[in-house]
Amino acid sequence: MPPQDLGHDRFVHFMKHDHGEGFRGVQCFREGCLIFLGVPLDLRNTENLRAAVNTFGKFHHWISDDPYLVRSVIFASFPEDI
């Protein structure tokens, strides 16, 4: 679109979403709780869980003293479902 005159020598230029050089859409992220089931006990530690979550999101923390060893409750940020 051509620049729109706002008066007093001010102009604004509107662009379509996700168009133009250097522009791209930003996908939203959500924060929430993930539950991983069946993680082997020797891999159930902060480093390994962080590595698994960081393949698709951002690891925050996990409940390491959960009495149920079959699950790992992890708090993380991850992409919003489209």
PDB file of N, CA and C in Angstrom:
ATOM      1  N   MET A   1       0.839  -1.179   0.000  1.00  0.00           N
ATOM      2  CA  MET A   1       0.000   0.000   0.000  1.00  0.00           C
ATOM      3  C   MET A   1       0.883   1.240   0.000  1.00  0.00           C
ATOM      4  N   PRO A   2       0.397   2.290  -0.592  1.00  0.00           N
ATOM      5  CA  PRO A   2       1.178   3.532  -0.562  1.00  0.00           C
ATOM      6  C   PRO A   2       1.143   4.141   0.843  1.00  0.00           C
ATOM      7  N   PRO A   3       2.143   4.951   1.174  1.00  0.00           N
ATOM      8  CA  PRO A   3       2.145   5.603   2.490  1.00  0.00           C
ATOM      9  C   PRO A   3       0.908   6.483   2.688  1.00  0.00           C
ATOM     10  N   GLN A   4       0.393   6.448   3.899  1.00  0.00           N
ATOM     11  CA  GLN A   4      -0.784   7.252   4.247  1.00  0.00           C
ATOM     12  C   GLN A   4      -0.318   8.497   4.995  1.00  0.00           C
ATOM     13  N   ASP A   5      -0.809   9.643   4.579  1.00  0.00           N
ATOM     14  CA  ASP A   5      -0.435  10.919   5.187  1.00  0.00           C
ATOM     15  C   ASP A   5      -1.212  11.115   6.476  1.00  0.00           C
ATOM     16  N   LEU A   6      -0.493  11.323   7.591  1.00  0.00           N
ATOM     17  CA  LEU A   6      -1.130  11.592   8.879  1.00  0.00           C
ATOM     18  C   LEU A   6      -1.149  13.084   9.192  1.00  0.00           C
ATOM     19  N   GLY A   7      -0.568  13.867   8.320  1.00  0.00           N
ATOM     20  CA  GLY A   7      -0.484  15.306   8.559  1.00  0.00           C
ATOM     21  C   GLY A   7       0.787  15.665   9.308  1.00  0.00           C
ATOM     22  N   HIS A   8       1.163  16.943   9.259  1.00  0.00           N
ATOM     23  CA  HIS A   8       2.359  17.454   9.945  1.00  0.00           C
ATOM     24  C   HIS A   8       3.605  16.688   9.513  1.00  0.00           C
ATOM     25  N   ASP A   9       3.707  16.359   8.226  1.00  0.00           N
ATOM     26  CA  ASP A   9       4.861  15.653   7.663  1.00  0.00           C
ATOM     27  C   ASP A   9       5.086  14.270   8.287  1.00  0.00           C
ATOM     28  N   ARG A  10       3.998  13.609   8.667  1.00  0.00           N
ATOM     29  CA  ARG A  10       4.084  12.251   9.211  1.00  0.00           C
ATOM     30  C   ARG A  10       3.325  11.305   8.297  1.00  0.00           C
ATOM     31  N   PHE A  11       3.967  10.183   8.051  1.00  0.00           N
ATOM     32  CA  PHE A  11       3.378   9.175   7.176  1.00  0.00           C
ATOM     33  C   PHE A  11       3.451   7.814   7.858  1.00  0.00           C
ATOM     34  N   VAL A  12       2.526   6.953   7.507  1.00  0.00           N
ATOM     35  CA  VAL A  12       2.553   5.575   7.987  1.00  0.00           C
ATOM     36  C   VAL A  12       2.410   4.666   6.764  1.00  0.00           C
ATOM     37  N   HIS A  13       3.140   3.577   6.803  1.00  0.00           N
ATOM     38  CA  HIS A  13       3.128   2.622   5.692  1.00  0.00           C
ATOM     39  C   HIS A  13       2.645   1.280   6.233  1.00  0.00           C
ATOM     40  N   PHE A  14       1.567   0.747   5.690  1.00  0.00           N
ATOM     41  CA  PHE A  14       1.014  -0.533   6.120  1.00  0.00           C
ATOM     42  C   PHE A  14       1.516  -1.633   5.202  1.00  0.00           C
ATOM     43  N   MET A  15       1.868  -2.755   5.796  1.00  0.00           N
ATOM     44  CA  MET A  15       2.312  -3.919   5.027  1.00  0.00           C
ATOM     45  C   MET A  15       1.443  -5.105   5.401  1.00  0.00           C
ATOM     46  N   LYS A  16       1.276  -6.005   4.450  1.00  0.00           N
ATOM     47  CA  LYS A  16       0.545  -7.227   4.730  1.00  0.00           C
ATOM     48  C   LYS A  16       1.346  -8.071   5.709  1.00  0.00           C
ATOM     49  N   HIS A  17       0.633  -8.797   6.537  1.00  0.00           N
ATOM     50  CA  HIS A  17       1.269  -9.672   7.516  1.00  0.00           C
ATOM     51  C   HIS A  17       2.124 -10.711   6.799  1.00  0.00           C
ATOM     52  N   ASP A  18       3.328 -10.920   7.292  1.00  0.00           N
ATOM     53  CA  ASP A  18       4.234 -11.934   6.777  1.00  0.00           C
ATOM     54  C   ASP A  18       4.735 -11.632   5.364  1.00  0.00           C
ATOM     55  N   HIS A  19       4.786 -10.368   4.996  1.00  0.00           N
ATOM     56  CA  HIS A  19       5.311  -9.986   3.686  1.00  0.00           C
ATOM     57  C   HIS A  19       6.398  -8.940   3.868  1.00  0.00           C
ATOM     58  N   GLY A  20       7.258  -8.861   2.918  1.00  0.00           N
ATOM     59  CA  GLY A  20       8.300  -7.841   2.945  1.00  0.00           C
ATOM     60  C   GLY A  20       9.625  -8.404   3.411  1.00  0.00           C
ATOM     61  N   GLU A  21      10.677  -7.717   3.087  1.00  0.00           N
ATOM     62  CA  GLU A  21      12.021  -8.161   3.425  1.00  0.00           C
ATOM     63  C   GLU A  21      12.244  -8.043   4.931  1.00  0.00           C
ATOM     64  N   GLY A  22      12.707  -9.108   5.528  1.00  0.00           N
ATOM     65  CA  GLY A  22      12.999  -9.097   6.958  1.00  0.00           C
ATOM     66  C   GLY A  22      11.785  -9.249   7.848  1.00  0.00           C
ATOM     67  N   PHE A  23      10.625  -9.482   7.297  1.00  0.00           N
ATOM     68  CA  PHE A  23       9.423  -9.631   8.100  1.00  0.00           C
ATOM     69  C   PHE A  23       8.983 -11.083   8.087  1.00  0.00           C
ATOM     70  N   ARG A  24       8.475 -11.547   9.216  1.00  0.00           N
ATOM     71  CA  ARG A  24       7.888 -12.876   9.287  1.00  0.00           C
ATOM     72  C   ARG A  24       6.914 -12.905  10.447  1.00  0.00           C
ATOM     73  N   GLY A  25       5.972 -13.794  10.371  1.00  0.00           N
ATOM     74  CA  GLY A  25       4.991 -13.941  11.443  1.00  0.00           C
ATOM     75  C   GLY A  25       5.635 -14.531  12.683  1.00  0.00           C
ATOM     76  N   VAL A  26       5.152 -14.160  13.819  1.00  0.00           N
ATOM     77  CA  VAL A  26       5.671 -14.671  15.065  1.00  0.00           C
ATOM     78  C   VAL A  26       4.645 -15.617  15.654  1.00  0.00           C
ATOM     79  N   GLN A  27       5.066 -16.836  15.884  1.00  0.00           N
ATOM     80  CA  GLN A  27       4.173 -17.812  16.466  1.00  0.00           C
ATOM     81  C   GLN A  27       4.145 -17.600  17.978  1.00  0.00           C
ATOM     82  N   CYS A  28       2.981 -17.695  18.551  1.00  0.00           N
ATOM     83  CA  CYS A  28       2.833 -17.473  19.989  1.00  0.00           C
ATOM     84  C   CYS A  28       3.279 -18.697  20.775  1.00  0.00           C
ATOM     85  N   PHE A  29       3.720 -18.470  21.977  1.00  0.00           N
ATOM     86  CA  PHE A  29       4.126 -19.540  22.873  1.00  0.00           C
ATOM     87  C   PHE A  29       3.203 -19.559  24.075  1.00  0.00           C
ATOM     88  N   ARG A  30       3.009 -20.731  24.617  1.00  0.00           N
ATOM     89  CA  ARG A  30       2.234 -20.908  25.840  1.00  0.00           C
ATOM     90  C   ARG A  30       3.137 -21.486  26.914  1.00  0.00           C
ATOM     91  N   GLU A  31       2.797 -21.205  28.149  1.00  0.00           N
ATOM     92  CA  GLU A  31       3.488 -21.827  29.269  1.00  0.00           C
ATOM     93  C   GLU A  31       2.537 -22.825  29.891  1.00  0.00           C
ATOM     94  N   GLY A  32       3.075 -23.971  30.245  1.00  0.00           N
ATOM     95  CA  GLY A  32       2.207 -24.982  30.824  1.00  0.00           C
ATOM     96  C   GLY A  32       2.986 -26.145  31.377  1.00  0.00           C
ATOM     97  N   CYS A  33       2.236 -27.183  31.657  1.00  0.00           N
ATOM     98  CA  CYS A  33       2.758 -28.376  32.289  1.00  0.00           C
ATOM     99  C   CYS A  33       2.753 -29.513  31.278  1.00  0.00           C
ATOM    100  N   LEU A  34       3.862 -30.210  31.174  1.00  0.00           N
ATOM    101  CA  LEU A  34       3.981 -31.389  30.316  1.00  0.00           C
ATOM    102  C   LEU A  34       4.208 -32.595  31.215  1.00  0.00           C
ATOM    103  N   ILE A  35       3.649 -33.722  30.838  1.00  0.00           N
ATOM    104  CA  ILE A  35       3.881 -34.950  31.586  1.00  0.00           C
ATOM    105  C   ILE A  35       4.503 -35.960  30.643  1.00  0.00           C
ATOM    106  N   PHE A  36       5.717 -36.380  30.961  1.00  0.00           N
ATOM    107  CA  PHE A  36       6.400 -37.417  30.199  1.00  0.00           C
ATOM    108  C   PHE A  36       6.213 -38.723  30.959  1.00  0.00           C
ATOM    109  N   LEU A  37       5.744 -39.741  30.276  1.00  0.00           N
ATOM    110  CA  LEU A  37       5.519 -41.040  30.892  1.00  0.00           C
ATOM    111  C   LEU A  37       6.584 -42.030  30.439  1.00  0.00           C
ATOM    112  N   GLY A  38       7.005 -42.873  31.355  1.00  0.00           N
ATOM    113  CA  GLY A  38       7.915 -43.953  31.016  1.00  0.00           C
ATOM    114  C   GLY A  38       9.347 -43.554  30.757  1.00  0.00           C
ATOM    115  N   VAL A  39       9.797 -42.454  31.326  1.00  0.00           N
ATOM    116  CA  VAL A  39      11.205 -42.058  31.170  1.00  0.00           C
ATOM    117  C   VAL A  39      12.042 -43.008  32.032  1.00  0.00           C
ATOM    118  N   PRO A  40      13.051 -43.671  31.465  1.00  0.00           N
ATOM    119  CA  PRO A  40      13.904 -44.559  32.272  1.00  0.00           C
ATOM    120  C   PRO A  40      14.515 -43.802  33.453  1.00  0.00           C
ATOM    121  N   LEU A  41      14.609 -44.477  34.589  1.00  0.00           N
ATOM    122  CA  LEU A  41      15.062 -43.817  35.816  1.00  0.00           C
ATOM    123  C   LEU A  41      16.481 -43.252  35.704  1.00  0.00           C
ATOM    124  N   ASP A  42      17.341 -43.889  34.941  1.00  0.00           N
ATOM    125  CA  ASP A  42      18.697 -43.355  34.811  1.00  0.00           C
ATOM    126  C   ASP A  42      18.754 -42.122  33.912  1.00  0.00           C
ATOM    127  N   LEU A  43      17.683 -41.848  33.152  1.00  0.00           N
ATOM    128  CA  LEU A  43      17.610 -40.644  32.309  1.00  0.00           C
ATOM    129  C   LEU A  43      16.685 -39.582  32.916  1.00  0.00           C
ATOM    130  N   ARG A  44      16.130 -39.867  34.067  1.00  0.00           N
ATOM    131  CA  ARG A  44      15.179 -38.952  34.717  1.00  0.00           C
ATOM    132  C   ARG A  44      15.944 -37.963  35.595  1.00  0.00           C
ATOM    133  N   ASN A  45      16.581 -36.981  34.942  1.00  0.00           N
ATOM    134  CA  ASN A  45      17.297 -35.927  35.649  1.00  0.00           C
ATOM    135  C   ASN A  45      17.123 -34.621  34.876  1.00  0.00           C
ATOM    136  N   THR A  46      17.524 -33.541  35.470  1.00  0.00           N
ATOM    137  CA  THR A  46      17.298 -32.215  34.889  1.00  0.00           C
ATOM    138  C   THR A  46      17.949 -32.067  33.520  1.00  0.00           C
ATOM    139  N   GLU A  47      19.165 -32.521  33.362  1.00  0.00           N
ATOM    140  CA  GLU A  47      19.883 -32.337  32.099  1.00  0.00           C
ATOM    141  C   GLU A  47      19.190 -33.058  30.946  1.00  0.00           C
ATOM    142  N   ASN A  48      18.794 -34.312  31.163  1.00  0.00           N
ATOM    143  CA  ASN A  48      18.169 -35.079  30.090  1.00  0.00           C
ATOM    144  C   ASN A  48      16.765 -34.574  29.770  1.00  0.00           C
ATOM    145  N   LEU A  49      15.994 -34.210  30.786  1.00  0.00           N
ATOM    146  CA  LEU A  49      14.653 -33.674  30.543  1.00  0.00           C
ATOM    147  C   LEU A  49      14.734 -32.317  29.844  1.00  0.00           C
ATOM    148  N   ARG A  50      15.704 -31.499  30.245  1.00  0.00           N
ATOM    149  CA  ARG A  50      15.904 -30.205  29.577  1.00  0.00           C
ATOM    150  C   ARG A  50      16.255 -30.410  28.097  1.00  0.00           C
ATOM    151  N   ALA A  51      17.121 -31.364  27.805  1.00  0.00           N
ATOM    152  CA  ALA A  51      17.504 -31.638  26.420  1.00  0.00           C
ATOM    153  C   ALA A  51      16.307 -32.105  25.597  1.00  0.00           C
ATOM    154  N   ALA A  52      15.438 -32.915  26.195  1.00  0.00           N
ATOM    155  CA  ALA A  52      14.254 -33.402  25.472  1.00  0.00           C
ATOM    156  C   ALA A  52      13.273 -32.275  25.192  1.00  0.00           C
ATOM    157  N   VAL A  53      13.017 -31.426  26.179  1.00  0.00           N
ATOM    158  CA  VAL A  53      12.046 -30.340  26.010  1.00  0.00           C
ATOM    159  C   VAL A  53      12.593 -29.267  25.079  1.00  0.00           C
ATOM    160  N   ASN A  54      13.872 -28.986  25.147  1.00  0.00           N
ATOM    161  CA  ASN A  54      14.448 -27.917  24.328  1.00  0.00           C
ATOM    162  C   ASN A  54      14.472 -28.254  22.835  1.00  0.00           C
ATOM    163  N   THR A  55      14.113 -29.472  22.446  1.00  0.00           N
ATOM    164  CA  THR A  55      13.998 -29.783  21.020  1.00  0.00           C
ATOM    165  C   THR A  55      12.764 -29.125  20.411  1.00  0.00           C
ATOM    166  N   PHE A  56      11.777 -28.749  21.235  1.00  0.00           N
ATOM    167  CA  PHE A  56      10.561 -28.113  20.713  1.00  0.00           C
ATOM    168  C   PHE A  56      10.102 -26.920  21.530  1.00  0.00           C
ATOM    169  N   GLY A  57      10.686 -26.656  22.666  1.00  0.00           N
ATOM    170  CA  GLY A  57      10.234 -25.560  23.521  1.00  0.00           C
ATOM    171  C   GLY A  57      11.352 -25.088  24.431  1.00  0.00           C
ATOM    172  N   LYS A  58      10.951 -24.527  25.592  1.00  0.00           N
ATOM    173  CA  LYS A  58      11.935 -24.030  26.564  1.00  0.00           C
ATOM    174  C   LYS A  58      11.602 -24.609  27.933  1.00  0.00           C
ATOM    175  N   PHE A  59      12.545 -25.327  28.492  1.00  0.00           N
ATOM    176  CA  PHE A  59      12.421 -25.967  29.799  1.00  0.00           C
ATOM    177  C   PHE A  59      12.508 -24.909  30.894  1.00  0.00           C
ATOM    178  N   HIS A  60      11.601 -24.980  31.890  1.00  0.00           N
ATOM    179  CA  HIS A  60      11.681 -24.078  33.052  1.00  0.00           C
ATOM    180  C   HIS A  60      12.131 -24.851  34.291  1.00  0.00           C
ATOM    181  N   HIS A  61      11.326 -25.801  34.733  1.00  0.00           N
ATOM    182  CA  HIS A  61      11.700 -26.641  35.870  1.00  0.00           C
ATOM    183  C   HIS A  61      10.827 -27.889  35.867  1.00  0.00           C
ATOM    184  N   TRP A  62      11.138 -28.823  36.739  1.00  0.00           N
ATOM    185  CA  TRP A  62      10.343 -30.036  36.847  1.00  0.00           C
ATOM    186  C   TRP A  62      10.224 -30.425  38.304  1.00  0.00           C
ATOM    187  N   ILE A  63       9.258 -31.271  38.603  1.00  0.00           N
ATOM    188  CA  ILE A  63       9.025 -31.726  39.978  1.00  0.00           C
ATOM    189  C   ILE A  63       9.872 -32.976  40.186  1.00  0.00           C
ATOM    190  N   SER A  64      11.034 -32.776  40.755  1.00  0.00           N
ATOM    191  CA  SER A  64      11.977 -33.885  40.905  1.00  0.00           C
ATOM    192  C   SER A  64      11.624 -34.807  42.065  1.00  0.00           C
ATOM    193  N   ASP A  65      10.837 -34.333  43.013  1.00  0.00           N
ATOM    194  CA  ASP A  65      10.488 -35.172  44.163  1.00  0.00           C
ATOM    195  C   ASP A  65       9.094 -35.791  44.046  1.00  0.00           C
ATOM    196  N   ASP A  66       8.596 -35.952  42.829  1.00  0.00           N
ATOM    197  CA  ASP A  66       7.308 -36.595  42.591  1.00  0.00           C
ATOM    198  C   ASP A  66       7.404 -38.061  43.028  1.00  0.00           C
ATOM    199  N   PRO A  67       6.483 -38.532  43.883  1.00  0.00           N
ATOM    200  CA  PRO A  67       6.571 -39.919  44.363  1.00  0.00           C
ATOM    201  C   PRO A  67       6.260 -40.960  43.279  1.00  0.00           C
ATOM    202  N   TYR A  68       5.612 -40.561  42.200  1.00  0.00           N
ATOM    203  CA  TYR A  68       5.295 -41.486  41.118  1.00  0.00           C
ATOM    204  C   TYR A  68       6.427 -41.462  40.095  1.00  0.00           C
ATOM    205  N   LEU A  69       7.271 -42.464  40.122  1.00  0.00           N
ATOM    206  CA  LEU A  69       8.458 -42.485  39.274  1.00  0.00           C
ATOM    207  C   LEU A  69       8.145 -42.778  37.812  1.00  0.00           C
ATOM    208  N   VAL A  70       6.902 -43.165  37.521  1.00  0.00           N
ATOM    209  CA  VAL A  70       6.542 -43.483  36.141  1.00  0.00           C
ATOM    210  C   VAL A  70       6.308 -42.214  35.312  1.00  0.00           C
ATOM    211  N   ARG A  71       6.137 -41.067  35.970  1.00  0.00           N
ATOM    212  CA  ARG A  71       5.875 -39.817  35.245  1.00  0.00           C
ATOM    213  C   ARG A  71       6.897 -38.756  35.633  1.00  0.00           C
ATOM    214  N   SER A  72       7.090 -37.824  34.715  1.00  0.00           N
ATOM    215  CA  SER A  72       7.928 -36.650  34.981  1.00  0.00           C
ATOM    216  C   SER A  72       7.096 -35.431  34.634  1.00  0.00           C
ATOM    217  N   VAL A  73       6.786 -34.607  35.623  1.00  0.00           N
ATOM    218  CA  VAL A  73       5.979 -33.407  35.433  1.00  0.00           C
ATOM    219  C   VAL A  73       6.933 -32.244  35.198  1.00  0.00           C
ATOM    220  N   ILE A  74       6.796 -31.630  34.009  1.00  0.00           N
ATOM    221  CA  ILE A  74       7.728 -30.599  33.571  1.00  0.00           C
ATOM    222  C   ILE A  74       6.968 -29.319  33.253  1.00  0.00           C
ATOM    223  N   PHE A  75       7.473 -28.189  33.707  1.00  0.00           N
ATOM    224  CA  PHE A  75       6.900 -26.891  33.376  1.00  0.00           C
ATOM    225  C   PHE A  75       7.779 -26.267  32.296  1.00  0.00           C
ATOM    226  N   ALA A  76       7.125 -25.834  31.201  1.00  0.00           N
ATOM    227  CA  ALA A  76       7.882 -25.360  30.047  1.00  0.00           C
ATOM    228  C   ALA A  76       7.054 -24.384  29.224  1.00  0.00           C
ATOM    229  N   SER A  77       7.725 -23.721  28.289  1.00  0.00           N
ATOM    230  CA  SER A  77       7.075 -22.907  27.261  1.00  0.00           C
ATOM    231  C   SER A  77       7.181 -23.686  25.958  1.00  0.00           C
ATOM    232  N   PHE A  78       6.087 -23.677  25.190  1.00  0.00           N
ATOM    233  CA  PHE A  78       6.076 -24.431  23.947  1.00  0.00           C
ATOM    234  C   PHE A  78       5.202 -23.712  22.939  1.00  0.00           C
ATOM    235  N   PRO A  79       5.384 -23.980  21.631  1.00  0.00           N
ATOM    236  CA  PRO A  79       4.607 -23.296  20.601  1.00  0.00           C
ATOM    237  C   PRO A  79       3.116 -23.551  20.742  1.00  0.00           C
ATOM    238  N   GLU A  80       2.351 -22.509  20.487  1.00  0.00           N
ATOM    239  CA  GLU A  80       0.895 -22.629  20.525  1.00  0.00           C
ATOM    240  C   GLU A  80       0.442 -23.519  19.383  1.00  0.00           C
ATOM    241  N   ASP A  81      -0.532 -24.359  19.644  1.00  0.00           N
ATOM    242  CA  ASP A  81      -1.053 -25.251  18.609  1.00  0.00           C
ATOM    243  C   ASP A  81      -1.768 -24.431  17.547  1.00  0.00           C
ATOM    244  N   ILE A  82      -1.483 -24.717  16.293  1.00  0.00           N
ATOM    245  CA  ILE A  82      -2.062 -23.932  15.185  1.00  0.00           C
ATOM    246  C   ILE A  82      -3.502 -24.316  14.971  1.00  0.00           C
TER     247      ILE A  82
END
